[in-house]
Amino acid sequence: QVQLVESGGGLVQAGGSLRLSCAASGLTFTSYSMGWFRQTPGKEREFVTAISWSGGNTVYADSVKGRFTISRDNAKNTVYLQMNSLKPEDTAVYYCATKWTTYSDYVASHFSEHDFWGQGTQVTVSS
């Protein structure tokens, strides 16, 4: 059974930083592109960033480029999201998700591509 467990969310002031983690189990981690999405009430879940299973390719939404960094530790089956210079508009529930792929450098960035989702972790940025 595949499980994705996010952690690291919380309340932070604007300009601050948080590091989210997503621990995966029940899958061969190195066969999955990993992504982060976020969602606020009444809005669709939006793409934030994703990383290939090799770790060699990453994609970012324009709204987070230069502030957020995705990384992964395949030995620990964990993907990370380092979030710096946080803004109130970054407030959302953050979800990690997986996309199975045979291509080591493939990065899945569309919602519909993803196979499994975590339960989400709340990030709140106060102004």
C-alpha atoms as a PDB file:
ATOM      1  CA  GLN A   1       0.000   0.000   0.000  1.00  0.00           C
ATOM      2  CA  VAL A   2       1.421   3.313  -1.103  1.00  0.00           C
ATOM      3  CA  GLN A   3       1.597   6.002   1.545  1.00  0.00           C
ATOM      4  CA  LEU A   4       2.797   9.562   1.271  1.00  0.00           C
ATOM      5  CA  VAL A   5       3.114  11.461   4.517  1.00  0.00           C
ATOM      6  CA  GLU A   6       3.806  15.193   4.459  1.00  0.00           C
ATOM      7  CA  SER A   7       5.215  17.087   7.405  1.00  0.00           C
ATOM      8  CA  GLY A   8       6.812  20.415   8.221  1.00  0.00           C
ATOM      9  CA  GLY A   9       3.899  22.754   7.703  1.00  0.00           C
ATOM     10  CA  GLY A  10       3.026  25.478  10.158  1.00  0.00           C
ATOM     11  CA  LEU A  11       2.605  29.181  10.773  1.00  0.00           C
ATOM     12  CA  VAL A  12       5.355  31.568   9.673  1.00  0.00           C
ATOM     13  CA  GLN A  13       5.660  35.292   9.158  1.00  0.00           C
ATOM     14  CA  ALA A  14       6.045  36.754   5.706  1.00  0.00           C
ATOM     15  CA  GLY A  15       9.665  36.570   4.613  1.00  0.00           C
ATOM     16  CA  GLY A  16      10.278  33.461   6.663  1.00  0.00           C
ATOM     17  CA  SER A  17      11.113  29.914   5.640  1.00  0.00           C
ATOM     18  CA  LEU A  18       9.710  26.436   6.026  1.00  0.00           C
ATOM     19  CA  ARG A  19      10.887  23.032   4.880  1.00  0.00           C
ATOM     20  CA  LEU A  20       8.303  20.445   3.978  1.00  0.00           C
ATOM     21  CA  SER A  21       9.030  16.746   3.791  1.00  0.00           C
ATOM     22  CA  CYS A  22       7.137  13.930   2.132  1.00  0.00           C
ATOM     23  CA  ALA A  23       8.035  10.408   3.152  1.00  0.00           C
ATOM     24  CA  ALA A  24       6.962   7.681   0.751  1.00  0.00           C
ATOM     25  CA  SER A  25       6.438   4.000   1.443  1.00  0.00           C
ATOM     26  CA  GLY A  26       4.997   1.045  -0.400  1.00  0.00           C
ATOM     27  CA  LEU A  27       6.557   1.915  -3.723  1.00  0.00           C
ATOM     28  CA  THR A  28       9.855   1.807  -5.564  1.00  0.00           C
ATOM     29  CA  PHE A  29      10.731   5.423  -4.961  1.00  0.00           C
ATOM     30  CA  THR A  30      13.238   5.632  -7.785  1.00  0.00           C
ATOM     31  CA  SER A  31      10.517   4.885 -10.334  1.00  0.00           C
ATOM     32  CA  TYR A  32       8.498   7.957  -9.486  1.00  0.00           C
ATOM     33  CA  SER A  33       8.586  11.596 -10.405  1.00  0.00           C
ATOM     34  CA  MET A  34       7.590  13.516  -7.261  1.00  0.00           C
ATOM     35  CA  GLY A  35       5.613  16.721  -7.154  1.00  0.00           C
ATOM     36  CA  TRP A  36       4.224  19.317  -4.788  1.00  0.00           C
ATOM     37  CA  PHE A  37       0.840  20.932  -5.281  1.00  0.00           C
ATOM     38  CA  ARG A  38      -1.114  23.354  -3.137  1.00  0.00           C
ATOM     39  CA  GLN A  39      -4.735  24.241  -2.630  1.00  0.00           C
ATOM     40  CA  THR A  40      -6.720  26.973  -0.933  1.00  0.00           C
ATOM     41  CA  PRO A  41     -10.451  26.808  -0.151  1.00  0.00           C
ATOM     42  CA  GLY A  42     -12.628  27.246  -3.207  1.00  0.00           C
ATOM     43  CA  LYS A  43      -9.749  26.954  -5.636  1.00  0.00           C
ATOM     44  CA  GLU A  44      -8.353  24.174  -7.735  1.00  0.00           C
ATOM     45  CA  ARG A  45      -5.232  22.367  -6.654  1.00  0.00           C
ATOM     46  CA  GLU A  46      -2.304  24.065  -8.342  1.00  0.00           C
ATOM     47  CA  PHE A  47       1.113  22.829  -9.346  1.00  0.00           C
ATOM     48  CA  VAL A  48       4.064  24.133  -7.341  1.00  0.00           C
ATOM     49  CA  THR A  49       7.100  22.089  -8.348  1.00  0.00           C
ATOM     50  CA  ALA A  50       8.239  18.605  -9.327  1.00  0.00           C
ATOM     51  CA  ILE A  51      11.421  16.589  -9.618  1.00  0.00           C
ATOM     52  CA  SER A  52      12.421  13.614 -11.739  1.00  0.00           C
ATOM     53  CA  TRP A  53      13.331  10.373 -10.019  1.00  0.00           C
ATOM     54  CA  SER A  54      16.946  10.869 -10.999  1.00  0.00           C
ATOM     55  CA  GLY A  55      16.832  14.270  -9.309  1.00  0.00           C
ATOM     56  CA  GLY A  56      18.364  15.758 -12.417  1.00  0.00           C
ATOM     57  CA  ASN A  57      15.328  17.654 -13.671  1.00  0.00           C
ATOM     58  CA  THR A  58      13.059  20.051 -11.849  1.00  0.00           C
ATOM     59  CA  VAL A  59      10.155  22.266 -12.844  1.00  0.00           C
ATOM     60  CA  TYR A  60       8.707  25.205 -10.911  1.00  0.00           C
ATOM     61  CA  ALA A  61       5.590  27.308 -11.147  1.00  0.00           C
ATOM     62  CA  ASP A  62       6.435  30.892 -12.016  1.00  0.00           C
ATOM     63  CA  SER A  63       4.985  32.056  -8.708  1.00  0.00           C
ATOM     64  CA  VAL A  64       7.627  30.191  -6.687  1.00  0.00           C
ATOM     65  CA  LYS A  65      10.707  30.336  -8.912  1.00  0.00           C
ATOM     66  CA  GLY A  66      13.711  31.622  -7.072  1.00  0.00           C
ATOM     67  CA  ARG A  67      12.056  31.128  -3.671  1.00  0.00           C
ATOM     68  CA  PHE A  68      11.258  27.422  -3.465  1.00  0.00           C
ATOM     69  CA  THR A  69      13.594  24.478  -4.005  1.00  0.00           C
ATOM     70  CA  ILE A  70      12.590  20.864  -4.441  1.00  0.00           C
ATOM     71  CA  SER A  71      14.996  18.031  -3.695  1.00  0.00           C
ATOM     72  CA  ARG A  72      14.871  14.343  -2.979  1.00  0.00           C
ATOM     73  CA  ASP A  73      16.821  11.754  -1.055  1.00  0.00           C
ATOM     74  CA  ASN A  74      16.247   8.423  -2.756  1.00  0.00           C
ATOM     75  CA  ALA A  75      17.990   6.553   0.043  1.00  0.00           C
ATOM     76  CA  LYS A  76      15.377   7.902   2.474  1.00  0.00           C
ATOM     77  CA  ASN A  77      12.392   7.738   0.101  1.00  0.00           C
ATOM     78  CA  THR A  78      11.752  11.374   0.858  1.00  0.00           C
ATOM     79  CA  VAL A  79      11.162  14.512  -1.162  1.00  0.00           C
ATOM     80  CA  TYR A  80      11.643  17.980   0.307  1.00  0.00           C
ATOM     81  CA  LEU A  81      10.335  21.443  -0.416  1.00  0.00           C
ATOM     82  CA  GLN A  82      12.442  24.286   0.915  1.00  0.00           C
ATOM     83  CA  MET A  83      10.342  27.435   0.931  1.00  0.00           C
ATOM     84  CA  ASN A  84      12.066  30.772   1.446  1.00  0.00           C
ATOM     85  CA  SER A  85      10.848  34.371   1.295  1.00  0.00           C
ATOM     86  CA  LEU A  86       7.346  33.192   1.995  1.00  0.00           C
ATOM     87  CA  LYS A  87       4.426  35.420   1.135  1.00  0.00           C
ATOM     88  CA  PRO A  88       0.856  35.462   2.466  1.00  0.00           C
ATOM     89  CA  GLU A  89      -0.305  34.201  -0.933  1.00  0.00           C
ATOM     90  CA  ASP A  90       1.690  31.013  -0.341  1.00  0.00           C
ATOM     91  CA  THR A  91      -0.808  30.089   2.360  1.00  0.00           C
ATOM     92  CA  ALA A  92      -2.389  26.773   1.381  1.00  0.00           C
ATOM     93  CA  VAL A  93      -2.535  23.082   2.083  1.00  0.00           C
ATOM     94  CA  TYR A  94       0.505  21.535   0.415  1.00  0.00           C
ATOM     95  CA  TYR A  95       0.279  18.048  -1.041  1.00  0.00           C
ATOM     96  CA  CYS A  96       2.939  15.763  -2.415  1.00  0.00           C
ATOM     97  CA  ALA A  97       2.136  13.405  -5.251  1.00  0.00           C
ATOM     98  CA  THR A  98       3.768  10.697  -7.322  1.00  0.00           C
ATOM     99  CA  LYS A  99       3.879   9.787 -10.973  1.00  0.00           C
ATOM    100  CA  TRP A 100       5.223   6.387 -11.998  1.00  0.00           C
ATOM    101  CA  THR A 101       7.584   6.594 -14.967  1.00  0.00           C
ATOM    102  CA  THR A 102      10.281   4.549 -16.654  1.00  0.00           C
ATOM    103  CA  TYR A 103      12.147   7.699 -17.642  1.00  0.00           C
ATOM    104  CA  SER A 104      14.670   8.825 -15.080  1.00  0.00           C
ATOM    105  CA  ASP A 105      14.526  12.466 -16.148  1.00  0.00           C
ATOM    106  CA  TYR A 106      10.788  12.806 -16.669  1.00  0.00           C
ATOM    107  CA  VAL A 107       9.073  15.458 -14.555  1.00  0.00           C
ATOM    108  CA  ALA A 108       5.312  15.229 -14.142  1.00  0.00           C
ATOM    109  CA  SER A 109       3.708  18.635 -13.689  1.00  0.00           C
ATOM    110  CA  HIS A 110       0.030  18.093 -14.436  1.00  0.00           C
ATOM    111  CA  PHE A 111      -2.509  17.227 -11.782  1.00  0.00           C
ATOM    112  CA  SER A 112      -4.061  14.437 -13.828  1.00  0.00           C
ATOM    113  CA  GLU A 113      -0.752  12.627 -14.283  1.00  0.00           C
ATOM    114  CA  HIS A 114      -0.277  11.745 -10.654  1.00  0.00           C
ATOM    115  CA  ASP A 115      -1.009   8.333  -9.195  1.00  0.00           C
ATOM    116  CA  PHE A 116      -0.910   8.830  -5.442  1.00  0.00           C
ATOM    117  CA  TRP A 117      -1.387  11.778  -3.091  1.00  0.00           C
ATOM    118  CA  GLY A 118      -0.542  12.570   0.487  1.00  0.00           C
ATOM    119  CA  GLN A 119      -3.010  13.938   3.011  1.00  0.00           C
ATOM    120  CA  GLY A 120      -1.555  17.446   2.909  1.00  0.00           C
ATOM    121  CA  THR A 121       0.086  19.791   5.373  1.00  0.00           C
ATOM    122  CA  GLN A 122      -1.109  23.308   6.161  1.00  0.00           C
ATOM    123  CA  VAL A 123       1.191  26.247   5.527  1.00  0.00           C
ATOM    124  CA  THR A 124       0.053  29.617   6.806  1.00  0.00           C
ATOM    125  CA  VAL A 125       2.022  32.788   6.132  1.00  0.00           C
ATOM    126  CA  SER A 126       1.021  35.818   8.145  1.00  0.00           C
ATOM    127  CA  SER A 127       1.570  39.354   6.920  1.00  0.00           C
END
